[in-house]
Amino acid sequence: QVQLVESGGGLVQAGGSLRLSCATSKVMFSIHDMGWYRQAPGNQRELVATITTGGTTSYADSVKGRFTISRDNAKNTVYLQMNSLKPEDTAVYYCAAKRPYASSWPYWGQGTQVTVSS
């Protein structure tokens, strides 16, 4: 069974920073692209950032220049460094994984709450 375990959420003031982590197994990590989604109350889940097995990254326009996704192959962990946080970044953040070239994300973490106060 695939497990994605997130950590690092919390409450931060606008302009502050947080780093989210998502750990999984070595086998899982080595053959899957990883991503971060978020869902705010009343909104649909949206893709925030992705990183392929080869390290290629992509970002939603709303977070470009502020968020950075990275992966540590030695720790089987993907990170989302979030800087210059805004109240509109408040959401539950989910880690996700898929095989390369797959169109959907079948594996999900439990989610971690990020709250940005103004």
C-alpha atoms as a PDB file:
ATOM      1  CA  GLN A   1       0.000   0.000   0.000  1.00  0.00           C
ATOM      2  CA  VAL A   2       1.340   3.378  -0.990  1.00  0.00           C
ATOM      3  CA  GLN A   3       1.785   5.857   1.839  1.00  0.00           C
ATOM      4  CA  LEU A   4       2.496   9.550   1.560  1.00  0.00           C
ATOM      5  CA  VAL A   5       3.080  11.213   4.919  1.00  0.00           C
ATOM      6  CA  GLU A   6       2.938  15.001   5.043  1.00  0.00           C
ATOM      7  CA  SER A   7       4.148  17.370   7.716  1.00  0.00           C
ATOM      8  CA  GLY A   8       5.008  21.028   8.216  1.00  0.00           C
ATOM      9  CA  GLY A   9       1.706  22.853   8.048  1.00  0.00           C
ATOM     10  CA  GLY A  10       0.680  25.476  10.567  1.00  0.00           C
ATOM     11  CA  LEU A  11      -0.293  29.068  11.211  1.00  0.00           C
ATOM     12  CA  VAL A  12       1.878  31.888   9.887  1.00  0.00           C
ATOM     13  CA  GLN A  13       1.492  35.617   9.359  1.00  0.00           C
ATOM     14  CA  ALA A  14       1.309  37.087   5.887  1.00  0.00           C
ATOM     15  CA  GLY A  15       4.785  37.484   4.450  1.00  0.00           C
ATOM     16  CA  GLY A  16       6.092  34.534   6.416  1.00  0.00           C
ATOM     17  CA  SER A  17       7.400  31.151   5.316  1.00  0.00           C
ATOM     18  CA  LEU A  18       6.629  27.489   5.837  1.00  0.00           C
ATOM     19  CA  ARG A  19       8.138  24.296   4.493  1.00  0.00           C
ATOM     20  CA  LEU A  20       5.986  21.256   3.844  1.00  0.00           C
ATOM     21  CA  SER A  21       7.449  17.761   3.679  1.00  0.00           C
ATOM     22  CA  CYS A  22       6.094  14.556   2.168  1.00  0.00           C
ATOM     23  CA  ALA A  23       7.842  11.267   2.846  1.00  0.00           C
ATOM     24  CA  THR A  24       7.267   7.932   1.176  1.00  0.00           C
ATOM     25  CA  SER A  25       9.037   4.652   0.488  1.00  0.00           C
ATOM     26  CA  LYS A  26      12.238   4.447  -1.544  1.00  0.00           C
ATOM     27  CA  VAL A  27      10.616   2.356  -4.255  1.00  0.00           C
ATOM     28  CA  MET A  28       7.646   4.667  -4.481  1.00  0.00           C
ATOM     29  CA  PHE A  29       9.783   7.779  -4.566  1.00  0.00           C
ATOM     30  CA  SER A  30      12.175   6.603  -7.256  1.00  0.00           C
ATOM     31  CA  ILE A  31       9.577   5.845  -9.923  1.00  0.00           C
ATOM     32  CA  HIS A  32       6.908   8.485  -9.337  1.00  0.00           C
ATOM     33  CA  ASP A  33       6.508  12.131 -10.173  1.00  0.00           C
ATOM     34  CA  MET A  34       5.520  14.094  -7.081  1.00  0.00           C
ATOM     35  CA  GLY A  35       3.206  17.034  -6.649  1.00  0.00           C
ATOM     36  CA  TRP A  36       1.488  19.351  -4.220  1.00  0.00           C
ATOM     37  CA  TYR A  37      -2.161  20.292  -4.457  1.00  0.00           C
ATOM     38  CA  ARG A  38      -4.229  22.538  -2.231  1.00  0.00           C
ATOM     39  CA  GLN A  39      -7.891  22.981  -1.457  1.00  0.00           C
ATOM     40  CA  ALA A  40      -9.407  25.995   0.235  1.00  0.00           C
ATOM     41  CA  PRO A  41     -12.928  25.893   1.726  1.00  0.00           C
ATOM     42  CA  GLY A  42     -15.530  26.100  -1.008  1.00  0.00           C
ATOM     43  CA  ASN A  43     -12.929  25.735  -3.748  1.00  0.00           C
ATOM     44  CA  GLN A  44     -11.852  22.889  -5.964  1.00  0.00           C
ATOM     45  CA  ARG A  45      -8.543  21.196  -5.377  1.00  0.00           C
ATOM     46  CA  GLU A  46      -5.855  22.921  -7.435  1.00  0.00           C
ATOM     47  CA  LEU A  47      -2.402  21.897  -8.523  1.00  0.00           C
ATOM     48  CA  VAL A  48       0.327  23.981  -6.897  1.00  0.00           C
ATOM     49  CA  ALA A  49       3.613  22.457  -8.044  1.00  0.00           C
ATOM     50  CA  THR A  50       5.075  19.292  -9.525  1.00  0.00           C
ATOM     51  CA  ILE A  51       8.480  17.694  -9.815  1.00  0.00           C
ATOM     52  CA  THR A  52       9.345  14.779 -12.060  1.00  0.00           C
ATOM     53  CA  THR A  53      11.632  11.872 -11.262  1.00  0.00           C
ATOM     54  CA  GLY A  54      14.278  13.754 -13.226  1.00  0.00           C
ATOM     55  CA  GLY A  55      13.824  16.950 -11.255  1.00  0.00           C
ATOM     56  CA  THR A  56      11.859  19.050 -13.734  1.00  0.00           C
ATOM     57  CA  THR A  57       9.524  21.416 -11.920  1.00  0.00           C
ATOM     58  CA  SER A  58       6.352  23.297 -12.760  1.00  0.00           C
ATOM     59  CA  TYR A  59       4.237  25.766 -10.798  1.00  0.00           C
ATOM     60  CA  ALA A  60       0.818  27.341 -10.771  1.00  0.00           C
ATOM     61  CA  ASP A  61       0.987  30.983 -11.827  1.00  0.00           C
ATOM     62  CA  SER A  62      -0.317  32.046  -8.427  1.00  0.00           C
ATOM     63  CA  VAL A  63       2.761  30.692  -6.623  1.00  0.00           C
ATOM     64  CA  LYS A  64       5.555  31.256  -9.149  1.00  0.00           C
ATOM     65  CA  GLY A  65       8.469  33.088  -7.594  1.00  0.00           C
ATOM     66  CA  ARG A  66       7.232  32.382  -4.063  1.00  0.00           C
ATOM     67  CA  PHE A  67       7.087  28.580  -3.756  1.00  0.00           C
ATOM     68  CA  THR A  68       9.796  26.055  -4.530  1.00  0.00           C
ATOM     69  CA  ILE A  69       9.312  22.307  -4.891  1.00  0.00           C
ATOM     70  CA  SER A  70      12.290  20.016  -4.437  1.00  0.00           C
ATOM     71  CA  ARG A  71      13.025  16.357  -3.812  1.00  0.00           C
ATOM     72  CA  ASP A  72      15.675  14.686  -1.672  1.00  0.00           C
ATOM     73  CA  ASN A  73      16.356  11.268  -3.150  1.00  0.00           C
ATOM     74  CA  ALA A  74      18.402  10.184  -0.141  1.00  0.00           C
ATOM     75  CA  LYS A  75      15.475  10.850   2.210  1.00  0.00           C
ATOM     76  CA  ASN A  76      12.667   9.830  -0.176  1.00  0.00           C
ATOM     77  CA  THR A  77      11.056  13.157   0.591  1.00  0.00           C
ATOM     78  CA  VAL A  78       9.578  15.980  -1.456  1.00  0.00           C
ATOM     79  CA  TYR A  79       9.426  19.497  -0.069  1.00  0.00           C
ATOM     80  CA  LEU A  80       7.394  22.603  -0.757  1.00  0.00           C
ATOM     81  CA  GLN A  81       9.139  25.750   0.455  1.00  0.00           C
ATOM     82  CA  MET A  82       6.576  28.524   0.684  1.00  0.00           C
ATOM     83  CA  ASN A  83       7.794  32.111   1.031  1.00  0.00           C
ATOM     84  CA  SER A  84       6.000  35.459   1.009  1.00  0.00           C
ATOM     85  CA  LEU A  85       2.814  33.728   2.052  1.00  0.00           C
ATOM     86  CA  LYS A  86      -0.503  35.459   1.496  1.00  0.00           C
ATOM     87  CA  PRO A  87      -3.893  34.923   3.167  1.00  0.00           C
ATOM     88  CA  GLU A  88      -5.161  33.457  -0.110  1.00  0.00           C
ATOM     89  CA  ASP A  89      -2.610  30.645   0.272  1.00  0.00           C
ATOM     90  CA  THR A  90      -4.681  29.343   3.193  1.00  0.00           C
ATOM     91  CA  ALA A  91      -5.774  25.790   2.358  1.00  0.00           C
ATOM     92  CA  VAL A  92      -5.264  22.134   3.088  1.00  0.00           C
ATOM     93  CA  TYR A  93      -2.174  21.063   1.171  1.00  0.00           C
ATOM     94  CA  TYR A  94      -1.937  17.541  -0.210  1.00  0.00           C
ATOM     95  CA  CYS A  95       1.034  15.587  -1.449  1.00  0.00           C
ATOM     96  CA  ALA A  96       0.377  13.425  -4.504  1.00  0.00           C
ATOM     97  CA  ALA A  97       2.234  10.936  -6.679  1.00  0.00           C
ATOM     98  CA  LYS A  98       1.849   9.416 -10.140  1.00  0.00           C
ATOM     99  CA  ARG A  99       3.818   7.427 -12.636  1.00  0.00           C
ATOM    100  CA  PRO A 100       5.548   9.513 -15.314  1.00  0.00           C
ATOM    101  CA  TYR A 101       3.275  10.306 -18.284  1.00  0.00           C
ATOM    102  CA  ALA A 102       0.169   9.297 -16.324  1.00  0.00           C
ATOM    103  CA  SER A 103      -2.673  11.797 -16.665  1.00  0.00           C
ATOM    104  CA  SER A 104      -4.053  11.449 -13.155  1.00  0.00           C
ATOM    105  CA  TRP A 105      -2.671  11.354  -9.640  1.00  0.00           C
ATOM    106  CA  PRO A 106      -3.772   8.135  -7.910  1.00  0.00           C
ATOM    107  CA  TYR A 107      -1.807   8.440  -4.680  1.00  0.00           C
ATOM    108  CA  TRP A 108      -2.538  11.035  -2.021  1.00  0.00           C
ATOM    109  CA  GLY A 109      -1.429  12.040   1.435  1.00  0.00           C
ATOM    110  CA  GLN A 110      -3.789  12.914   4.251  1.00  0.00           C
ATOM    111  CA  GLY A 111      -3.342  16.663   3.894  1.00  0.00           C
ATOM    112  CA  THR A 112      -1.850  19.326   6.127  1.00  0.00           C
ATOM    113  CA  GLN A 113      -3.469  22.638   7.019  1.00  0.00           C
ATOM    114  CA  VAL A 114      -1.740  25.902   6.153  1.00  0.00           C
ATOM    115  CA  THR A 115      -3.297  29.063   7.545  1.00  0.00           C
ATOM    116  CA  VAL A 116      -1.959  32.512   6.684  1.00  0.00           C
ATOM    117  CA  SER A 117      -3.232  35.373   8.808  1.00  0.00           C
ATOM    118  CA  SER A 118      -3.405  38.933   7.564  1.00  0.00           C
END
